[in-house]
Amino acid sequence: MEKDWVKVYHSNIAYEAEIIRGMLAENEIDAVIVNRQDSSFVTMLPGMDEVYVHIDNEEKAKQLIAESRPEPGNID
C-alpha cells in the first residue's frame, strides 16, 4: 500500500467491504479495497478484504463507518 494510506475497515465478506467503500465514496472520501485472499485457499479459508483511505480522511471515515454499523443488540 502506498505511503499515507491507512486501513479503516476489514471483513472476510467481500460485499461488506464494497458497501463501506461505496458509502465512503458517497461522502467524498476516496477509498480502495485490498483483497488479502490467497487464491490457493479460496475454498478452504476465507480471505480478508481491507478498506484503505488517505490518512487525511481517516478520522472522518472511521466516524462514518461507526455510524453505519448497528449497535449490538439493536435490531431495529
Protein backbone atom coordinates (compact mmCIF):
# COMPACT_ATOMS: atom_id res chain seq x y z
CA MET A 1 0.00 0.00 0.00
CA GLU A 2 1.22 3.47 -0.79
CA LYS A 3 2.51 5.80 1.88
CA ASP A 4 -0.10 7.88 3.73
CA TRP A 5 -2.95 5.36 3.34
CA VAL A 6 -4.42 3.69 6.42
CA LYS A 7 -6.72 0.71 6.94
CA VAL A 8 -10.10 1.76 8.32
CA TYR A 9 -12.11 -1.43 7.85
CA HIS A 10 -11.68 -5.14 7.21
CA SER A 11 -14.03 -8.04 6.60
CA ASN A 12 -13.89 -11.62 5.43
CA ILE A 13 -17.11 -10.95 3.49
CA ALA A 14 -16.24 -9.16 0.24
CA TYR A 15 -19.55 -7.37 -0.27
CA GLU A 16 -19.29 -5.70 3.16
CA ALA A 17 -16.03 -4.05 2.14
CA GLU A 18 -17.67 -2.91 -1.12
CA ILE A 19 -20.60 -1.40 0.78
CA ILE A 20 -18.21 0.51 3.06
CA ARG A 21 -16.15 1.71 0.07
CA GLY A 22 -19.34 2.92 -1.64
CA MET A 23 -20.57 4.70 1.48
CA LEU A 24 -17.23 6.48 1.83
CA ALA A 25 -17.33 7.46 -1.86
CA GLU A 26 -20.81 8.95 -1.36
CA ASN A 27 -19.24 11.10 1.37
CA GLU A 28 -16.43 12.23 -0.96
CA ILE A 29 -13.76 10.02 0.61
CA ASP A 30 -11.57 8.10 -1.81
CA ALA A 31 -11.17 4.51 -0.65
CA VAL A 32 -9.56 1.39 -2.07
CA ILE A 33 -10.07 -2.27 -1.27
CA VAL A 34 -7.12 -4.60 -0.90
CA ASN A 35 -8.02 -8.27 -1.21
CA ARG A 36 -5.88 -10.44 1.06
CA GLN A 37 -7.42 -13.69 -0.23
CA ASP A 38 -4.85 -16.36 -1.00
CA SER A 39 -6.05 -17.81 -4.29
CA SER A 40 -4.73 -21.28 -3.45
CA PHE A 41 -7.01 -21.44 -0.39
CA VAL A 42 -10.19 -19.88 -1.80
CA THR A 43 -12.47 -22.75 -0.84
CA MET A 44 -10.78 -23.65 2.44
CA LEU A 45 -10.02 -20.39 4.22
CA PRO A 46 -11.78 -17.05 3.99
CA GLY A 47 -9.69 -14.13 2.86
CA MET A 48 -9.74 -10.64 4.22
CA ASP A 49 -10.78 -7.55 2.29
CA GLU A 50 -9.32 -4.35 3.71
CA VAL A 51 -10.55 -0.80 3.05
CA TYR A 52 -7.92 1.94 2.99
CA VAL A 53 -8.27 5.73 2.90
CA HIS A 54 -5.78 8.55 2.78
CA ILE A 55 -4.57 9.46 6.26
CA ASP A 56 -6.20 12.92 5.94
CA ASN A 57 -9.61 11.20 5.79
CA GLU A 58 -9.01 8.57 8.49
CA GLU A 59 -10.98 10.19 11.31
CA LYS A 60 -14.00 11.08 9.16
CA ALA A 61 -14.01 7.61 7.55
CA LYS A 62 -13.91 5.83 10.90
CA GLN A 63 -16.72 8.04 12.20
CA LEU A 64 -18.90 7.31 9.17
CA ILE A 65 -18.22 3.58 9.46
CA ALA A 66 -19.08 3.59 13.16
CA GLU A 67 -22.32 5.46 12.47
CA SER A 68 -23.29 3.00 9.74
CA ARG A 69 -22.86 -0.09 11.94
CA PRO A 70 -25.80 -1.19 14.10
CA GLU A 71 -25.23 -1.19 17.84
CA PRO A 72 -25.02 -4.66 19.42
CA GLY A 73 -28.46 -5.87 20.45
CA ASN A 74 -30.26 -3.21 18.38
CA ILE A 75 -32.20 -4.99 15.66
CA ASP A 76 -34.47 -2.07 14.66
